[in-house]
PDB file of N, CA and C in Angstrom:
ATOM      1  N   UNK A   1      -1.699  -7.816   6.540  1.00  0.00           N
ATOM      2  CA  UNK A   1      -1.417  -7.795   8.109  1.00  0.00           C
ATOM      3  C   UNK A   1       0.607  -8.096   7.713  1.00  0.00           C
ATOM      4  N   UNK A   2       1.485  -7.993   8.259  1.00  0.00           N
ATOM      5  CA  UNK A   2       2.872  -8.554   7.886  1.00  0.00           C
ATOM      6  C   UNK A   2       2.927  -9.801   8.133  1.00  0.00           C
ATOM      7  N   UNK A   3       4.078 -10.032   7.300  1.00  0.00           N
ATOM      8  CA  UNK A   3       4.294 -11.567   7.166  1.00  0.00           C
ATOM      9  C   UNK A   3       4.336 -12.185   8.462  1.00  0.00           C
ATOM     10  N   UNK A   4       5.576 -11.360   9.411  1.00  0.00           N
ATOM     11  CA  UNK A   4       5.678 -11.945  10.963  1.00  0.00           C
ATOM     12  C   UNK A   4       4.275 -12.285  11.313  1.00  0.00           C
ATOM     13  N   UNK A   5       3.426 -11.577  11.337  1.00  0.00           N
ATOM     14  CA  UNK A   5       2.237 -12.127  11.655  1.00  0.00           C
ATOM     15  C   UNK A   5       1.613 -13.121  11.698  1.00  0.00           C
ATOM     16  N   UNK A   6       1.661 -13.518  10.277  1.00  0.00           N
ATOM     17  CA  UNK A   6       0.944 -14.468   9.655  1.00  0.00           C
ATOM     18  C   UNK A   6       0.909 -16.098  10.213  1.00  0.00           C
ATOM     19  N   UNK A   7       0.097 -16.881   9.981  1.00  0.00           N
ATOM     20  CA  UNK A   7      -0.177 -18.375  10.388  1.00  0.00           C
ATOM     21  C   UNK A   7       1.032 -18.972   9.413  1.00  0.00           C
ATOM     22  N   UNK A   8       1.633 -20.147   9.788  1.00  0.00           N
ATOM     23  CA  UNK A   8       2.234 -21.386   9.454  1.00  0.00           C
ATOM     24  C   UNK A   8       1.210 -21.981   8.436  1.00  0.00           C
ATOM     25  N   UNK A   9       1.946 -22.310   7.505  1.00  0.00           N
ATOM     26  CA  UNK A   9       1.125 -23.603   6.619  1.00  0.00           C
ATOM     27  C   UNK A   9      -0.320 -22.617   6.562  1.00  0.00           C
ATOM     28  N   UNK A  10      -0.755 -21.555   6.098  1.00  0.00           N
ATOM     29  CA  UNK A  10      -1.560 -20.901   5.732  1.00  0.00           C
ATOM     30  C   UNK A  10      -1.159 -20.199   4.226  1.00  0.00           C
ATOM     31  N   UNK A  11      -2.052 -20.250   3.257  1.00  0.00           N
ATOM     32  CA  UNK A  11      -1.714 -19.338   1.873  1.00  0.00           C
ATOM     33  C   UNK A  11      -2.140 -18.309   2.234  1.00  0.00           C
ATOM     34  N   UNK A  12      -1.036 -17.127   1.643  1.00  0.00           N
ATOM     35  CA  UNK A  12      -1.610 -15.905   1.568  1.00  0.00           C
ATOM     36  C   UNK A  12      -0.846 -15.205   0.334  1.00  0.00           C
ATOM     37  N   UNK A  13      -1.596 -14.034  -0.222  1.00  0.00           N
ATOM     38  CA  UNK A  13      -0.842 -12.920  -1.454  1.00  0.00           C
ATOM     39  C   UNK A  13      -0.344 -12.142  -0.666  1.00  0.00           C
ATOM     40  N   UNK A  14       0.826 -11.966  -1.330  1.00  0.00           N
ATOM     41  CA  UNK A  14       1.456 -10.777  -1.266  1.00  0.00           C
ATOM     42  C   UNK A  14       0.870  -9.439  -1.610  1.00  0.00           C
ATOM     43  N   UNK A  15       0.569  -8.462  -1.041  1.00  0.00           N
ATOM     44  CA  UNK A  15       0.007  -7.215  -1.505  1.00  0.00           C
ATOM     45  C   UNK A  15       0.803  -6.062  -1.373  1.00  0.00           C
ATOM     46  N   UNK A  16       1.946  -6.045  -0.608  1.00  0.00           N
ATOM     47  CA  UNK A  16       2.761  -4.622  -0.379  1.00  0.00           C
ATOM     48  C   UNK A  16       4.235  -4.826  -0.058  1.00  0.00           C
ATOM     49  N   UNK A  17       4.899  -4.742  -0.736  1.00  0.00           N
ATOM     50  CA  UNK A  17       6.347  -4.680  -0.003  1.00  0.00           C
ATOM     51  C   UNK A  17       7.020  -3.005   0.278  1.00  0.00           C
ATOM     52  N   UNK A  18       6.798  -2.833   1.832  1.00  0.00           N
ATOM     53  CA  UNK A  18       7.940  -1.963   2.462  1.00  0.00           C
ATOM     54  C   UNK A  18       9.000  -1.898   2.451  1.00  0.00           C
ATOM     55  N   UNK A  19       9.660  -0.603   2.830  1.00  0.00           N
ATOM     56  CA  UNK A  19      10.752  -0.359   3.288  1.00  0.00           C
ATOM     57  C   UNK A  19      11.323   0.425   2.289  1.00  0.00           C
ATOM     58  N   UNK A  20      13.053   0.532   2.430  1.00  0.00           N
ATOM     59  CA  UNK A  20      13.693   1.750   1.476  1.00  0.00           C
ATOM     60  C   UNK A  20      13.583   1.019  -0.219  1.00  0.00           C
ATOM     61  N   UNK A  21      14.242   1.804  -0.563  1.00  0.00           N
ATOM     62  CA  UNK A  21      14.203   1.021  -2.211  1.00  0.00           C
ATOM     63  C   UNK A  21      15.073   0.154  -1.935  1.00  0.00           C
ATOM     64  N   UNK A  22      16.411   0.155  -1.376  1.00  0.00           N
ATOM     65  CA  UNK A  22      17.520  -0.955  -1.686  1.00  0.00           C
ATOM     66  C   UNK A  22      16.704  -2.272  -0.916  1.00  0.00           C
ATOM     67  N   UNK A  23      15.802  -2.111   0.345  1.00  0.00           N
ATOM     68  CA  UNK A  23      15.062  -3.356   1.218  1.00  0.00           C
ATOM     69  C   UNK A  23      14.039  -3.800   0.156  1.00  0.00           C
ATOM     70  N   UNK A  24      13.354  -3.101  -0.484  1.00  0.00           N
ATOM     71  CA  UNK A  24      12.356  -3.466  -1.254  1.00  0.00           C
ATOM     72  C   UNK A  24      12.850  -4.293  -2.718  1.00  0.00           C
ATOM     73  N   UNK A  25      14.179  -3.970  -3.116  1.00  0.00           N
ATOM     74  CA  UNK A  25      14.938  -4.643  -4.518  1.00  0.00           C
ATOM     75  C   UNK A  25      15.445  -5.972  -3.634  1.00  0.00           C
ATOM     76  N   UNK A  26      15.751  -5.802  -3.006  1.00  0.00           N
ATOM     77  CA  UNK A  26      16.360  -7.056  -2.299  1.00  0.00           C
ATOM     78  C   UNK A  26      15.104  -8.309  -2.186  1.00  0.00           C
ATOM     79  N   UNK A  27      14.065  -8.178  -1.014  1.00  0.00           N
ATOM     80  CA  UNK A  27      12.865  -8.773  -1.383  1.00  0.00           C
ATOM     81  C   UNK A  27      12.332  -9.261  -2.675  1.00  0.00           C
ATOM     82  N   UNK A  28      12.441  -8.149  -4.020  1.00  0.00           N
ATOM     83  CA  UNK A  28      11.898  -8.548  -4.967  1.00  0.00           C
ATOM     84  C   UNK A  28      13.018  -9.493  -5.478  1.00  0.00           C
ATOM     85  N   UNK A  29      14.132  -9.389  -5.309  1.00  0.00           N
ATOM     86  CA  UNK A  29      15.381 -10.254  -5.900  1.00  0.00           C
ATOM     87  C   UNK A  29      14.727 -11.749  -5.464  1.00  0.00           C
ATOM     88  N   UNK A  30      14.313 -11.860  -4.372  1.00  0.00           N
ATOM     89  CA  UNK A  30      14.382 -13.271  -3.847  1.00  0.00           C
ATOM     90  C   UNK A  30      13.220 -13.845  -4.161  1.00  0.00           C
ATOM     91  N   UNK A  31      12.221 -13.073  -4.842  1.00  0.00           N
ATOM     92  CA  UNK A  31      10.522 -13.388  -5.235  1.00  0.00           C
ATOM     93  C   UNK A  31       9.533 -12.862  -4.500  1.00  0.00           C
ATOM     94  N   UNK A  32       9.795 -12.054  -3.528  1.00  0.00           N
ATOM     95  CA  UNK A  32       8.727 -11.418  -3.175  1.00  0.00           C
ATOM     96  C   UNK A  32       8.172 -10.121  -4.111  1.00  0.00           C
ATOM     97  N   UNK A  33       7.222 -10.531  -4.604  1.00  0.00           N
ATOM     98  CA  UNK A  33       6.728  -9.524  -5.502  1.00  0.00           C
ATOM     99  C   UNK A  33       5.035  -9.536  -5.131  1.00  0.00           C
ATOM    100  N   UNK A  34       4.671  -8.648  -5.465  1.00  0.00           N
ATOM    101  CA  UNK A  34       2.987  -8.115  -5.148  1.00  0.00           C
ATOM    102  C   UNK A  34       2.253  -9.208  -6.237  1.00  0.00           C
ATOM    103  N   UNK A  35       1.235  -9.916  -5.678  1.00  0.00           N
ATOM    104  CA  UNK A  35       0.970 -10.605  -6.396  1.00  0.00           C
ATOM    105  C   UNK A  35       1.047 -12.081  -6.438  1.00  0.00           C
ATOM    106  N   UNK A  36       2.156 -12.519  -5.718  1.00  0.00           N
ATOM    107  CA  UNK A  36       2.513 -13.823  -5.517  1.00  0.00           C
ATOM    108  C   UNK A  36       2.137 -14.820  -4.447  1.00  0.00           C
ATOM    109  N   UNK A  37       2.007 -15.939  -4.646  1.00  0.00           N
ATOM    110  CA  UNK A  37       1.429 -16.645  -3.100  1.00  0.00           C
ATOM    111  C   UNK A  37       2.503 -16.630  -2.305  1.00  0.00           C
ATOM    112  N   UNK A  38       2.413 -16.615  -0.876  1.00  0.00           N
ATOM    113  CA  UNK A  38       3.526 -16.890   0.094  1.00  0.00           C
ATOM    114  C   UNK A  38       3.341 -17.738   1.013  1.00  0.00           C
ATOM    115  N   UNK A  39       3.772 -18.801   1.567  1.00  0.00           N
ATOM    116  CA  UNK A  39       3.250 -19.532   2.671  1.00  0.00           C
ATOM    117  C   UNK A  39       5.047 -19.725   3.560  1.00  0.00           C
ATOM    118  N   UNK A  40       4.415 -19.487   5.024  1.00  0.00           N
ATOM    119  CA  UNK A  40       5.352 -19.688   6.116  1.00  0.00           C
ATOM    120  C   UNK A  40       5.353 -21.084   6.472  1.00  0.00           C
ATOM    121  N   UNK A  41       6.600 -21.778   5.965  1.00  0.00           N
ATOM    122  CA  UNK A  41       6.595 -23.538   6.697  1.00  0.00           C
ATOM    123  C   UNK A  41       7.504 -23.547   7.995  1.00  0.00           C
ATOM    124  N   UNK A  42       7.889 -22.535   8.517  1.00  0.00           N
ATOM    125  CA  UNK A  42       8.058 -22.496   9.816  1.00  0.00           C
ATOM    126  C   UNK A  42       8.984 -21.062  10.423  1.00  0.00           C
ATOM    127  N   UNK A  43       9.007 -21.128  11.899  1.00  0.00           N
ATOM    128  CA  UNK A  43       9.419 -19.931  12.850  1.00  0.00           C
ATOM    129  C   UNK A  43      10.255 -20.068  13.402  1.00  0.00           C
ATOM    130  N   UNK A  44      11.227 -19.709  13.716  1.00  0.00           N
ATOM    131  CA  UNK A  44      12.102 -20.048  14.665  1.00  0.00           C
ATOM    132  C   UNK A  44      13.200 -18.527  15.471  1.00  0.00           C
ATOM    133  N   UNK A  45      13.194 -18.585  16.585  1.00  0.00           N
ATOM    134  CA  UNK A  45      14.100 -17.059  16.773  1.00  0.00           C
ATOM    135  C   UNK A  45      14.175 -16.328  15.885  1.00  0.00           C
ATOM    136  N   UNK A  46      12.794 -15.414  15.136  1.00  0.00           N
ATOM    137  CA  UNK A  46      12.898 -14.591  14.972  1.00  0.00           C
ATOM    138  C   UNK A  46      13.328 -14.749  13.443  1.00  0.00           C
ATOM    139  N   UNK A  47      13.181 -15.853  13.002  1.00  0.00           N
ATOM    140  CA  UNK A  47      13.380 -16.150  11.420  1.00  0.00           C
ATOM    141  C   UNK A  47      12.725 -17.312  10.961  1.00  0.00           C
ATOM    142  N   UNK A  48      12.273 -16.765   9.505  1.00  0.00           N
ATOM    143  CA  UNK A  48      11.396 -17.296   8.807  1.00  0.00           C
ATOM    144  C   UNK A  48      12.001 -17.868   7.612  1.00  0.00           C
ATOM    145  N   UNK A  49      11.039 -19.181   7.368  1.00  0.00           N
ATOM    146  CA  UNK A  49      11.074 -20.322   5.946  1.00  0.00           C
ATOM    147  C   UNK A  49       9.979 -20.033   5.292  1.00  0.00           C
ATOM    148  N   UNK A  50      10.155 -19.445   4.489  1.00  0.00           N
ATOM    149  CA  UNK A  50       9.176 -19.137   3.558  1.00  0.00           C
ATOM    150  C   UNK A  50       8.861 -19.557   1.964  1.00  0.00           C
ATOM    151  N   UNK A  51       8.146 -20.379   1.348  1.00  0.00           N
ATOM    152  CA  UNK A  51       7.857 -20.639   0.377  1.00  0.00           C
ATOM    153  C   UNK A  51       7.547 -19.676  -0.617  1.00  0.00           C
ATOM    154  N   UNK A  52       7.976 -19.496  -1.525  1.00  0.00           N
ATOM    155  CA  UNK A  52       7.820 -18.484  -2.758  1.00  0.00           C
ATOM    156  C   UNK A  52       8.331 -18.960  -4.213  1.00  0.00           C
ATOM    157  N   UNK A  53       7.376 -19.054  -5.201  1.00  0.00           N
ATOM    158  CA  UNK A  53       8.169 -19.179  -6.614  1.00  0.00           C
ATOM    159  C   UNK A  53       8.121 -20.492  -6.452  1.00  0.00           C
ATOM    160  N   UNK A  54       7.770 -21.621  -5.601  1.00  0.00           N
ATOM    161  CA  UNK A  54       8.946 -23.025  -5.621  1.00  0.00           C
ATOM    162  C   UNK A  54      10.042 -22.787  -5.410  1.00  0.00           C
ATOM    163  N   UNK A  55      10.600 -22.015  -4.101  1.00  0.00           N
ATOM    164  CA  UNK A  55      11.615 -22.000  -3.509  1.00  0.00           C
ATOM    165  C   UNK A  55      11.293 -22.020  -2.014  1.00  0.00           C
ATOM    166  N   UNK A  56      12.161 -22.271  -1.423  1.00  0.00           N
ATOM    167  CA  UNK A  56      12.443 -22.178   0.087  1.00  0.00           C
ATOM    168  C   UNK A  56      13.009 -21.076   0.573  1.00  0.00           C
ATOM    169  N   UNK A  57      12.995 -19.612   1.139  1.00  0.00           N
ATOM    170  CA  UNK A  57      13.680 -18.419   1.511  1.00  0.00           C
ATOM    171  C   UNK A  57      13.777 -18.027   2.696  1.00  0.00           C
ATOM    172  N   UNK A  58      15.078 -17.794   3.014  1.00  0.00           N
ATOM    173  CA  UNK A  58      14.931 -17.909   4.872  1.00  0.00           C
ATOM    174  C   UNK A  58      14.929 -16.075   5.041  1.00  0.00           C
ATOM    175  N   UNK A  59      13.988 -15.287   5.767  1.00  0.00           N
ATOM    176  CA  UNK A  59      14.464 -14.231   5.973  1.00  0.00           C
ATOM    177  C   UNK A  59      14.369 -13.858   7.603  1.00  0.00           C
ATOM    178  N   UNK A  60      14.666 -12.821   7.808  1.00  0.00           N
ATOM    179  CA  UNK A  60      14.317 -12.445   9.268  1.00  0.00           C
ATOM    180  C   UNK A  60      13.275 -11.648   9.714  1.00  0.00           C
ATOM    181  N   UNK A  61      13.028 -11.479  10.988  1.00  0.00           N
ATOM    182  CA  UNK A  61      12.083 -10.582  11.712  1.00  0.00           C
ATOM    183  C   UNK A  61      11.555  -9.382  11.207  1.00  0.00           C
ATOM    184  N   UNK A  62      13.109  -8.771  10.620  1.00  0.00           N
ATOM    185  CA  UNK A  62      12.824  -7.349  10.341  1.00  0.00           C
ATOM    186  C   UNK A  62      12.294  -7.183   8.823  1.00  0.00           C
ATOM    187  N   UNK A  63      12.925  -7.986   7.894  1.00  0.00           N
ATOM    188  CA  UNK A  63      12.190  -8.350   6.560  1.00  0.00           C
ATOM    189  C   UNK A  63      10.688  -8.440   6.332  1.00  0.00           C
ATOM    190  N   UNK A  64      10.360  -9.771   7.187  1.00  0.00           N
ATOM    191  CA  UNK A  64       9.065 -10.482   7.363  1.00  0.00           C
ATOM    192  C   UNK A  64       7.703  -9.415   7.621  1.00  0.00           C
ATOM    193  N   UNK A  65       8.528  -8.087   8.509  1.00  0.00           N
ATOM    194  CA  UNK A  65       7.413  -6.927   8.545  1.00  0.00           C
ATOM    195  C   UNK A  65       7.218  -6.134   7.445  1.00  0.00           C
ATOM    196  N   UNK A  66       7.773  -5.926   6.729  1.00  0.00           N
ATOM    197  CA  UNK A  66       8.108  -5.134   5.418  1.00  0.00           C
ATOM    198  C   UNK A  66       7.112  -5.708   4.189  1.00  0.00           C
ATOM    199  N   UNK A  67       6.943  -7.155   4.294  1.00  0.00           N
ATOM    200  CA  UNK A  67       6.301  -7.974   3.481  1.00  0.00           C
ATOM    201  C   UNK A  67       4.778  -7.543   3.872  1.00  0.00           C
ATOM    202  N   UNK A  68       3.850  -6.927   3.373  1.00  0.00           N
ATOM    203  CA  UNK A  68       2.127  -6.956   4.063  1.00  0.00           C
ATOM    204  C   UNK A  68       1.219  -8.496   2.975  1.00  0.00           C
ATOM    205  N   UNK A  69       0.594  -9.112   3.795  1.00  0.00           N
ATOM    206  CA  UNK A  69       0.226 -10.096   3.015  1.00  0.00           C
ATOM    207  C   UNK A  69      -1.261 -10.361   3.088  1.00  0.00           C
ATOM    208  N   UNK A  70      -2.093 -11.066   2.665  1.00  0.00           N
ATOM    209  CA  UNK A  70      -3.584 -11.190   2.685  1.00  0.00           C
ATOM    210  C   UNK A  70      -4.023 -12.365   2.740  1.00  0.00           C
ATOM    211  N   UNK A  71      -4.898 -13.098   3.200  1.00  0.00           N
ATOM    212  CA  UNK A  71      -5.271 -14.401   3.258  1.00  0.00           C
ATOM    213  C   UNK A  71      -5.817 -14.582   2.057  1.00  0.00           C
ATOM    214  N   UNK A  72      -5.462 -15.695   1.687  1.00  0.00           N
ATOM    215  CA  UNK A  72      -5.817 -15.896   0.144  1.00  0.00           C
ATOM    216  C   UNK A  72      -7.247 -16.856   0.353  1.00  0.00           C
TER     217      UNK A  72
END
């Protein structure tokens, strides 16, 4: 499922990063890499705060839709 449909404070594993090459590279530089655990800490007005690799990263809904996750 896309990250934007995931539940808050539930552990997920990133399965795939979609989008064009620039979008994928941007997300990977933020730490969104296949096989990495991710948790949504909060969601408000189409923006998401995600815990990834011991960091908190803010992304918008369009980027969150490109991150495919699976429940851990």
